[in-house]
mmCIF file of all heavy atoms, coordinates in Angstrom:
data_MODEL
# 
_entry.id   MODEL 
# 
loop_
_atom_site.group_PDB 
_atom_site.id 
_atom_site.type_symbol 
_atom_site.label_atom_id 
_atom_site.label_alt_id 
_atom_site.label_comp_id 
_atom_site.label_asym_id 
_atom_site.label_entity_id 
_atom_site.label_seq_id 
_atom_site.pdbx_PDB_ins_code 
_atom_site.Cartn_x 
_atom_site.Cartn_y 
_atom_site.Cartn_z 
_atom_site.occupancy 
_atom_site.B_iso_or_equiv 
_atom_site.pdbx_formal_charge 
_atom_site.auth_seq_id 
_atom_site.auth_comp_id 
_atom_site.auth_asym_id 
_atom_site.auth_atom_id 
_atom_site.pdbx_PDB_model_num 
ATOM 1   N N   . ASN A 1 1  ? 17.873  -1.900 3.133  1.00 0.00 ? 1  ASN A N   1 
ATOM 2   C CA  . ASN A 1 1  ? 17.498  -0.498 3.265  1.00 0.00 ? 1  ASN A CA  1 
ATOM 3   C C   . ASN A 1 1  ? 16.372  -0.054 2.322  1.00 0.00 ? 1  ASN A C   1 
ATOM 4   O O   . ASN A 1 1  ? 15.488  0.682  2.727  1.00 0.00 ? 1  ASN A O   1 
ATOM 5   C CB  . ASN A 1 1  ? 18.763  0.371  3.048  1.00 0.00 ? 1  ASN A CB  1 
ATOM 6   C CG  . ASN A 1 1  ? 18.470  1.831  3.273  1.00 0.00 ? 1  ASN A CG  1 
ATOM 7   O OD1 . ASN A 1 1  ? 17.937  2.248  4.238  1.00 0.00 ? 1  ASN A OD1 1 
ATOM 8   N ND2 . ASN A 1 1  ? 18.922  2.664  2.289  1.00 0.00 ? 1  ASN A ND2 1 
ATOM 9   N N   . ILE A 1 2  ? 16.448  -0.537 1.128  1.00 0.00 ? 2  ILE A N   1 
ATOM 10  C CA  . ILE A 1 2  ? 15.400  -0.250 0.128  1.00 0.00 ? 2  ILE A CA  1 
ATOM 11  C C   . ILE A 1 2  ? 14.046  -0.810 0.571  1.00 0.00 ? 2  ILE A C   1 
ATOM 12  O O   . ILE A 1 2  ? 13.008  -0.121 0.468  1.00 0.00 ? 2  ILE A O   1 
ATOM 13  C CB  . ILE A 1 2  ? 15.845  -0.738 -1.252 1.00 0.00 ? 2  ILE A CB  1 
ATOM 14  C CG1 . ILE A 1 2  ? 17.036  0.029  -1.725 1.00 0.00 ? 2  ILE A CG1 1 
ATOM 15  C CG2 . ILE A 1 2  ? 14.661  -0.568 -2.224 1.00 0.00 ? 2  ILE A CG2 1 
ATOM 16  C CD1 . ILE A 1 2  ? 17.598  -0.491 -3.096 1.00 0.00 ? 2  ILE A CD1 1 
ATOM 17  N N   . ILE A 1 3  ? 14.057  -2.051 1.071  1.00 0.00 ? 3  ILE A N   1 
ATOM 18  C CA  . ILE A 1 3  ? 12.835  -2.610 1.532  1.00 0.00 ? 3  ILE A CA  1 
ATOM 19  C C   . ILE A 1 3  ? 12.155  -1.852 2.631  1.00 0.00 ? 3  ILE A C   1 
ATOM 20  O O   . ILE A 1 3  ? 10.950  -1.608 2.573  1.00 0.00 ? 3  ILE A O   1 
ATOM 21  C CB  . ILE A 1 3  ? 13.124  -4.123 1.997  1.00 0.00 ? 3  ILE A CB  1 
ATOM 22  C CG1 . ILE A 1 3  ? 13.408  -4.956 0.840  1.00 0.00 ? 3  ILE A CG1 1 
ATOM 23  C CG2 . ILE A 1 3  ? 11.855  -4.666 2.789  1.00 0.00 ? 3  ILE A CG2 1 
ATOM 24  C CD1 . ILE A 1 3  ? 13.858  -6.357 1.220  1.00 0.00 ? 3  ILE A CD1 1 
ATOM 25  N N   . TRP A 1 4  ? 12.961  -1.357 3.565  1.00 0.00 ? 4  TRP A N   1 
ATOM 26  C CA  . TRP A 1 4  ? 12.399  -0.570 4.639  1.00 0.00 ? 4  TRP A CA  1 
ATOM 27  C C   . TRP A 1 4  ? 11.771  0.702  4.108  1.00 0.00 ? 4  TRP A C   1 
ATOM 28  O O   . TRP A 1 4  ? 10.638  1.067  4.482  1.00 0.00 ? 4  TRP A O   1 
ATOM 29  C CB  . TRP A 1 4  ? 13.553  -0.174 5.646  1.00 0.00 ? 4  TRP A CB  1 
ATOM 30  C CG  . TRP A 1 4  ? 13.015  0.713  6.737  1.00 0.00 ? 4  TRP A CG  1 
ATOM 31  C CD1 . TRP A 1 4  ? 12.520  0.232  7.919  1.00 0.00 ? 4  TRP A CD1 1 
ATOM 32  C CD2 . TRP A 1 4  ? 13.043  2.093  6.799  1.00 0.00 ? 4  TRP A CD2 1 
ATOM 33  N NE1 . TRP A 1 4  ? 12.170  1.349  8.730  1.00 0.00 ? 4  TRP A NE1 1 
ATOM 34  C CE2 . TRP A 1 4  ? 12.447  2.448  8.077  1.00 0.00 ? 4  TRP A CE2 1 
ATOM 35  C CE3 . TRP A 1 4  ? 13.406  3.142  5.928  1.00 0.00 ? 4  TRP A CE3 1 
ATOM 36  C CZ2 . TRP A 1 4  ? 12.315  3.827  8.459  1.00 0.00 ? 4  TRP A CZ2 1 
ATOM 37  C CZ3 . TRP A 1 4  ? 13.185  4.429  6.309  1.00 0.00 ? 4  TRP A CZ3 1 
ATOM 38  C CH2 . TRP A 1 4  ? 12.667  4.760  7.558  1.00 0.00 ? 4  TRP A CH2 1 
ATOM 39  N N   . SER A 1 5  ? 12.386  1.367  3.153  1.00 0.00 ? 5  SER A N   1 
ATOM 40  C CA  . SER A 1 5  ? 11.848  2.580  2.562  1.00 0.00 ? 5  SER A CA  1 
ATOM 41  C C   . SER A 1 5  ? 10.617  2.244  1.809  1.00 0.00 ? 5  SER A C   1 
ATOM 42  O O   . SER A 1 5  ? 9.649   2.983  1.883  1.00 0.00 ? 5  SER A O   1 
ATOM 43  C CB  . SER A 1 5  ? 12.928  3.220  1.639  1.00 0.00 ? 5  SER A CB  1 
ATOM 44  O OG  . SER A 1 5  ? 12.384  4.378  1.038  1.00 0.00 ? 5  SER A OG  1 
ATOM 45  N N   . GLY A 1 6  ? 10.642  1.166  0.982  1.00 0.00 ? 6  GLY A N   1 
ATOM 46  C CA  . GLY A 1 6  ? 9.440   0.848  0.214  1.00 0.00 ? 6  GLY A CA  1 
ATOM 47  C C   . GLY A 1 6  ? 8.187   0.509  1.064  1.00 0.00 ? 6  GLY A C   1 
ATOM 48  O O   . GLY A 1 6  ? 7.079   0.968  0.809  1.00 0.00 ? 6  GLY A O   1 
ATOM 49  N N   . VAL A 1 7  ? 8.437   -0.237 2.181  1.00 0.00 ? 7  VAL A N   1 
ATOM 50  C CA  . VAL A 1 7  ? 7.301   -0.582 3.048  1.00 0.00 ? 7  VAL A CA  1 
ATOM 51  C C   . VAL A 1 7  ? 6.679   0.718  3.650  1.00 0.00 ? 7  VAL A C   1 
ATOM 52  O O   . VAL A 1 7  ? 5.496   0.875  3.795  1.00 0.00 ? 7  VAL A O   1 
ATOM 53  C CB  . VAL A 1 7  ? 7.769   -1.502 4.128  1.00 0.00 ? 7  VAL A CB  1 
ATOM 54  C CG1 . VAL A 1 7  ? 6.719   -1.633 5.230  1.00 0.00 ? 7  VAL A CG1 1 
ATOM 55  C CG2 . VAL A 1 7  ? 8.110   -2.906 3.509  1.00 0.00 ? 7  VAL A CG2 1 
ATOM 56  N N   . ARG A 1 8  ? 7.590   1.599  4.008  1.00 0.00 ? 8  ARG A N   1 
ATOM 57  C CA  . ARG A 1 8  ? 7.147   2.883  4.607  1.00 0.00 ? 8  ARG A CA  1 
ATOM 58  C C   . ARG A 1 8  ? 6.278   3.708  3.681  1.00 0.00 ? 8  ARG A C   1 
ATOM 59  O O   . ARG A 1 8  ? 5.172   4.161  4.032  1.00 0.00 ? 8  ARG A O   1 
ATOM 60  C CB  . ARG A 1 8  ? 8.399   3.701  5.124  1.00 0.00 ? 8  ARG A CB  1 
ATOM 61  C CG  . ARG A 1 8  ? 8.008   5.083  5.655  1.00 0.00 ? 8  ARG A CG  1 
ATOM 62  C CD  . ARG A 1 8  ? 9.264   5.829  6.033  1.00 0.00 ? 8  ARG A CD  1 
ATOM 63  N NE  . ARG A 1 8  ? 8.909   7.213  6.389  1.00 0.00 ? 8  ARG A NE  1 
ATOM 64  C CZ  . ARG A 1 8  ? 8.690   8.180  5.480  1.00 0.00 ? 8  ARG A CZ  1 
ATOM 65  N NH1 . ARG A 1 8  ? 8.778   7.946  4.261  1.00 0.00 ? 8  ARG A NH1 1 
ATOM 66  N NH2 . ARG A 1 8  ? 8.433   9.394  5.948  1.00 0.00 ? 8  ARG A NH2 1 
ATOM 67  N N   . ILE A 1 9  ? 6.691   3.783  2.467  1.00 0.00 ? 9  ILE A N   1 
ATOM 68  C CA  . ILE A 1 9  ? 6.008   4.574  1.464  1.00 0.00 ? 9  ILE A CA  1 
ATOM 69  C C   . ILE A 1 9  ? 4.667   3.939  1.127  1.00 0.00 ? 9  ILE A C   1 
ATOM 70  O O   . ILE A 1 9  ? 3.633   4.638  1.015  1.00 0.00 ? 9  ILE A O   1 
ATOM 71  C CB  . ILE A 1 9  ? 6.872   4.761  0.195  1.00 0.00 ? 9  ILE A CB  1 
ATOM 72  C CG1 . ILE A 1 9  ? 8.054   5.604  0.471  1.00 0.00 ? 9  ILE A CG1 1 
ATOM 73  C CG2 . ILE A 1 9  ? 6.053   5.400  -0.953 1.00 0.00 ? 9  ILE A CG2 1 
ATOM 74  C CD1 . ILE A 1 9  ? 8.977   5.810  -0.665 1.00 0.00 ? 9  ILE A CD1 1 
ATOM 75  N N   . VAL A 1 10 ? 4.626   2.600  0.954  1.00 0.00 ? 10 VAL A N   1 
ATOM 76  C CA  . VAL A 1 10 ? 3.426   1.893  0.708  1.00 0.00 ? 10 VAL A CA  1 
ATOM 77  C C   . VAL A 1 10 ? 2.414   2.074  1.835  1.00 0.00 ? 10 VAL A C   1 
ATOM 78  O O   . VAL A 1 10 ? 1.194   2.270  1.637  1.00 0.00 ? 10 VAL A O   1 
ATOM 79  C CB  . VAL A 1 10 ? 3.678   0.416  0.422  1.00 0.00 ? 10 VAL A CB  1 
ATOM 80  C CG1 . VAL A 1 10 ? 2.356   -0.402 0.324  1.00 0.00 ? 10 VAL A CG1 1 
ATOM 81  C CG2 . VAL A 1 10 ? 4.423   0.206  -0.916 1.00 0.00 ? 10 VAL A CG2 1 
ATOM 82  N N   . ARG A 1 11 ? 2.837   1.957  3.031  1.00 0.00 ? 11 ARG A N   1 
ATOM 83  C CA  . ARG A 1 11 ? 2.001   2.094  4.239  1.00 0.00 ? 11 ARG A CA  1 
ATOM 84  C C   . ARG A 1 11 ? 1.396   3.514  4.212  1.00 0.00 ? 11 ARG A C   1 
ATOM 85  O O   . ARG A 1 11 ? 0.202   3.688  4.490  1.00 0.00 ? 11 ARG A O   1 
ATOM 86  C CB  . ARG A 1 11 ? 2.771   1.876  5.475  1.00 0.00 ? 11 ARG A CB  1 
ATOM 87  C CG  . ARG A 1 11 ? 1.994   2.084  6.755  1.00 0.00 ? 11 ARG A CG  1 
ATOM 88  C CD  . ARG A 1 11 ? 2.805   1.837  8.041  1.00 0.00 ? 11 ARG A CD  1 
ATOM 89  N NE  . ARG A 1 11 ? 1.999   1.955  9.240  1.00 0.00 ? 11 ARG A NE  1 
ATOM 90  C CZ  . ARG A 1 11 ? 1.835   3.113  9.817  1.00 0.00 ? 11 ARG A CZ  1 
ATOM 91  N NH1 . ARG A 1 11 ? 2.451   4.231  9.291  1.00 0.00 ? 11 ARG A NH1 1 
ATOM 92  N NH2 . ARG A 1 11 ? 1.123   3.245  10.913 1.00 0.00 ? 11 ARG A NH2 1 
ATOM 93  N N   . MET A 1 12 ? 2.233   4.519  3.982  1.00 0.00 ? 12 MET A N   1 
ATOM 94  C CA  . MET A 1 12 ? 1.760   5.954  3.970  1.00 0.00 ? 12 MET A CA  1 
ATOM 95  C C   . MET A 1 12 ? 0.697   6.136  2.866  1.00 0.00 ? 12 MET A C   1 
ATOM 96  O O   . MET A 1 12 ? -0.316  6.801  3.139  1.00 0.00 ? 12 MET A O   1 
ATOM 97  C CB  . MET A 1 12 ? 2.917   6.872  3.757  1.00 0.00 ? 12 MET A CB  1 
ATOM 98  C CG  . MET A 1 12 ? 2.616   8.323  3.782  1.00 0.00 ? 12 MET A CG  1 
ATOM 99  S SD  . MET A 1 12 ? 4.189   9.371  3.834  1.00 0.00 ? 12 MET A SD  1 
ATOM 100 C CE  . MET A 1 12 ? 4.938   8.812  2.284  1.00 0.00 ? 12 MET A CE  1 
ATOM 101 N N   . SER A 1 13 ? 0.867   5.525  1.756  1.00 0.00 ? 13 SER A N   1 
ATOM 102 C CA  . SER A 1 13 ? -0.158  5.587  0.666  1.00 0.00 ? 13 SER A CA  1 
ATOM 103 C C   . SER A 1 13 ? -1.484  4.907  1.022  1.00 0.00 ? 13 SER A C   1 
ATOM 104 O O   . SER A 1 13 ? -2.534  5.463  0.818  1.00 0.00 ? 13 SER A O   1 
ATOM 105 C CB  . SER A 1 13 ? 0.407   4.982  -0.636 1.00 0.00 ? 13 SER A CB  1 
ATOM 106 O OG  . SER A 1 13 ? 1.623   5.636  -0.997 1.00 0.00 ? 13 SER A OG  1 
ATOM 107 N N   . ALA A 1 14 ? -1.310  3.790  1.654  1.00 0.00 ? 14 ALA A N   1 
ATOM 108 C CA  . ALA A 1 14 ? -2.483  2.961  2.077  1.00 0.00 ? 14 ALA A CA  1 
ATOM 109 C C   . ALA A 1 14 ? -3.329  3.737  3.083  1.00 0.00 ? 14 ALA A C   1 
ATOM 110 O O   . ALA A 1 14 ? -4.567  3.763  3.038  1.00 0.00 ? 14 ALA A O   1 
ATOM 111 C CB  . ALA A 1 14 ? -2.106  1.619  2.628  1.00 0.00 ? 14 ALA A CB  1 
ATOM 112 N N   . LEU A 1 15 ? -2.675  4.395  3.976  1.00 0.00 ? 15 LEU A N   1 
ATOM 113 C CA  . LEU A 1 15 ? -3.364  5.155  4.995  1.00 0.00 ? 15 LEU A CA  1 
ATOM 114 C C   . LEU A 1 15 ? -4.155  6.347  4.402  1.00 0.00 ? 15 LEU A C   1 
ATOM 115 O O   . LEU A 1 15 ? -5.285  6.607  4.823  1.00 0.00 ? 15 LEU A O   1 
ATOM 116 C CB  . LEU A 1 15 ? -2.375  5.706  6.034  1.00 0.00 ? 15 LEU A CB  1 
ATOM 117 C CG  . LEU A 1 15 ? -1.769  4.720  6.966  1.00 0.00 ? 15 LEU A CG  1 
ATOM 118 C CD1 . LEU A 1 15 ? -0.677  5.358  7.903  1.00 0.00 ? 15 LEU A CD1 1 
ATOM 119 C CD2 . LEU A 1 15 ? -2.820  4.011  7.879  1.00 0.00 ? 15 LEU A CD2 1 
ATOM 120 N N   . GLY A 1 16 ? -3.579  6.928  3.379  1.00 0.00 ? 16 GLY A N   1 
ATOM 121 C CA  . GLY A 1 16 ? -4.280  7.966  2.713  1.00 0.00 ? 16 GLY A CA  1 
ATOM 122 C C   . GLY A 1 16 ? -5.487  7.543  1.962  1.00 0.00 ? 16 GLY A C   1 
ATOM 123 O O   . GLY A 1 16 ? -6.547  8.159  2.026  1.00 0.00 ? 16 GLY A O   1 
ATOM 124 N N   . LEU A 1 17 ? -5.362  6.342  1.291  1.00 0.00 ? 17 LEU A N   1 
ATOM 125 C CA  . LEU A 1 17 ? -6.532  5.817  0.533  1.00 0.00 ? 17 LEU A CA  1 
ATOM 126 C C   . LEU A 1 17 ? -7.558  5.357  1.435  1.00 0.00 ? 17 LEU A C   1 
ATOM 127 O O   . LEU A 1 17 ? -8.768  5.293  1.016  1.00 0.00 ? 17 LEU A O   1 
ATOM 128 C CB  . LEU A 1 17 ? -6.021  4.654  -0.362 1.00 0.00 ? 17 LEU A CB  1 
ATOM 129 C CG  . LEU A 1 17 ? -5.106  5.044  -1.534 1.00 0.00 ? 17 LEU A CG  1 
ATOM 130 C CD1 . LEU A 1 17 ? -4.606  3.818  -2.185 1.00 0.00 ? 17 LEU A CD1 1 
ATOM 131 C CD2 . LEU A 1 17 ? -5.886  5.849  -2.526 1.00 0.00 ? 17 LEU A CD2 1 
ATOM 132 N N   . MET A 1 18 ? -7.287  5.063  2.653  1.00 0.00 ? 18 MET A N   1 
ATOM 133 C CA  . MET A 1 18 ? -8.231  4.581  3.693  1.00 0.00 ? 18 MET A CA  1 
ATOM 134 C C   . MET A 1 18 ? -8.883  5.785  4.445  1.00 0.00 ? 18 MET A C   1 
ATOM 135 O O   . MET A 1 18 ? -9.532  5.600  5.467  1.00 0.00 ? 18 MET A O   1 
ATOM 136 C CB  . MET A 1 18 ? -7.655  3.618  4.675  1.00 0.00 ? 18 MET A CB  1 
ATOM 137 C CG  . MET A 1 18 ? -7.230  2.292  3.958  1.00 0.00 ? 18 MET A CG  1 
ATOM 138 S SD  . MET A 1 18 ? -6.387  1.194  5.121  1.00 0.00 ? 18 MET A SD  1 
ATOM 139 C CE  . MET A 1 18 ? -7.669  0.828  6.298  1.00 0.00 ? 18 MET A CE  1 
ATOM 140 N N   . ASP A 1 19 ? -8.693  7.089  3.977  1.00 0.00 ? 19 ASP A N   1 
ATOM 141 C CA  . ASP A 1 19 ? -9.255  8.241  4.680  1.00 0.00 ? 19 ASP A CA  1 
ATOM 142 C C   . ASP A 1 19 ? -8.880  8.333  6.096  1.00 0.00 ? 19 ASP A C   1 
ATOM 143 O O   . ASP A 1 19 ? -9.692  8.592  6.959  1.00 0.00 ? 19 ASP A O   1 
ATOM 144 C CB  . ASP A 1 19 ? -10.841 8.186  4.488  1.00 0.00 ? 19 ASP A CB  1 
ATOM 145 C CG  . ASP A 1 19 ? -11.302 8.452  3.094  1.00 0.00 ? 19 ASP A CG  1 
ATOM 146 O OD1 . ASP A 1 19 ? -10.588 9.115  2.365  1.00 0.00 ? 19 ASP A OD1 1 
ATOM 147 O OD2 . ASP A 1 19 ? -12.393 8.044  2.778  1.00 0.00 ? 19 ASP A OD2 1 
ATOM 148 N N   . THR A 1 20 ? -7.594  8.184  6.326  1.00 0.00 ? 20 THR A N   1 
ATOM 149 C CA  . THR A 1 20 ? -7.106  8.357  7.698  1.00 0.00 ? 20 THR A CA  1 
ATOM 150 C C   . THR A 1 20 ? -7.351  9.808  8.208  1.00 0.00 ? 20 THR A C   1 
ATOM 151 O O   . THR A 1 20 ? -7.245  10.754 7.444  1.00 0.00 ? 20 THR A O   1 
ATOM 152 C CB  . THR A 1 20 ? -5.594  8.049  7.726  1.00 0.00 ? 20 THR A CB  1 
ATOM 153 O OG1 . THR A 1 20 ? -5.364  6.746  7.260  1.00 0.00 ? 20 THR A OG1 1 
ATOM 154 C CG2 . THR A 1 20 ? -4.950  8.205  9.128  1.00 0.00 ? 20 THR A CG2 1 
ATOM 155 N N   . ALA A 1 21 ? -7.611  9.854  9.516  1.00 0.00 ? 21 ALA A N   1 
ATOM 156 C CA  . ALA A 1 21 ? -7.904  11.172 10.108 1.00 0.00 ? 21 ALA A CA  1 
ATOM 157 C C   . ALA A 1 21 ? -6.722  12.092 10.012 1.00 0.00 ? 21 ALA A C   1 
ATOM 158 O O   . ALA A 1 21 ? -5.536  11.689 9.887  1.00 0.00 ? 21 ALA A O   1 
ATOM 159 C CB  . ALA A 1 21 ? -8.384  10.962 11.527 1.00 0.00 ? 21 ALA A CB  1 
ATOM 160 N N   . LEU A 1 22 ? -6.979  13.407 10.197 1.00 0.00 ? 22 LEU A N   1 
ATOM 161 C CA  . LEU A 1 22 ? -5.913  14.365 10.242 1.00 0.00 ? 22 LEU A CA  1 
ATOM 162 C C   . LEU A 1 22 ? -5.068  14.070 11.459 1.00 0.00 ? 22 LEU A C   1 
ATOM 163 O O   . LEU A 1 22 ? -5.403  13.418 12.386 1.00 0.00 ? 22 LEU A O   1 
ATOM 164 C CB  . LEU A 1 22 ? -6.464  15.773 10.357 1.00 0.00 ? 22 LEU A CB  1 
ATOM 165 C CG  . LEU A 1 22 ? -7.320  16.284 9.201  1.00 0.00 ? 22 LEU A CG  1 
ATOM 166 C CD1 . LEU A 1 22 ? -7.716  17.755 9.452  1.00 0.00 ? 22 LEU A CD1 1 
ATOM 167 C CD2 . LEU A 1 22 ? -6.613  16.165 7.867  1.00 0.00 ? 22 LEU A CD2 1 
ATOM 168 N N   . SER A 1 23 ? -3.831  14.578 11.462 1.00 0.00 ? 23 SER A N   1 
ATOM 169 C CA  . SER A 1 23 ? -2.907  14.502 12.569 1.00 0.00 ? 23 SER A CA  1 
ATOM 170 C C   . SER A 1 23 ? -3.544  15.036 13.853 1.00 0.00 ? 23 SER A C   1 
ATOM 171 O O   . SER A 1 23 ? -4.419  15.848 13.887 1.00 0.00 ? 23 SER A O   1 
ATOM 172 C CB  . SER A 1 23 ? -1.547  15.154 12.240 1.00 0.00 ? 23 SER A CB  1 
ATOM 173 O OG  . SER A 1 23 ? -1.743  16.527 12.244 1.00 0.00 ? 23 SER A OG  1 
ATOM 174 N N   . ALA A 1 24 ? -2.949  14.566 14.996 1.00 0.00 ? 24 ALA A N   1 
ATOM 175 C CA  . ALA A 1 24 ? -3.462  14.985 16.301 1.00 0.00 ? 24 ALA A CA  1 
ATOM 176 C C   . ALA A 1 24 ? -3.324  16.450 16.438 1.00 0.00 ? 24 ALA A C   1 
ATOM 177 O O   . ALA A 1 24 ? -4.163  17.185 16.989 1.00 0.00 ? 24 ALA A O   1 
ATOM 178 C CB  . ALA A 1 24 ? -2.742  14.248 17.467 1.00 0.00 ? 24 ALA A CB  1 
# 
């Protein structure tokens, strides 16, 4: 369960650092 949460948070941070576009 912790791994799933950690991967989700890391992915969310990476998207922000990559200048992801605003939501639809």
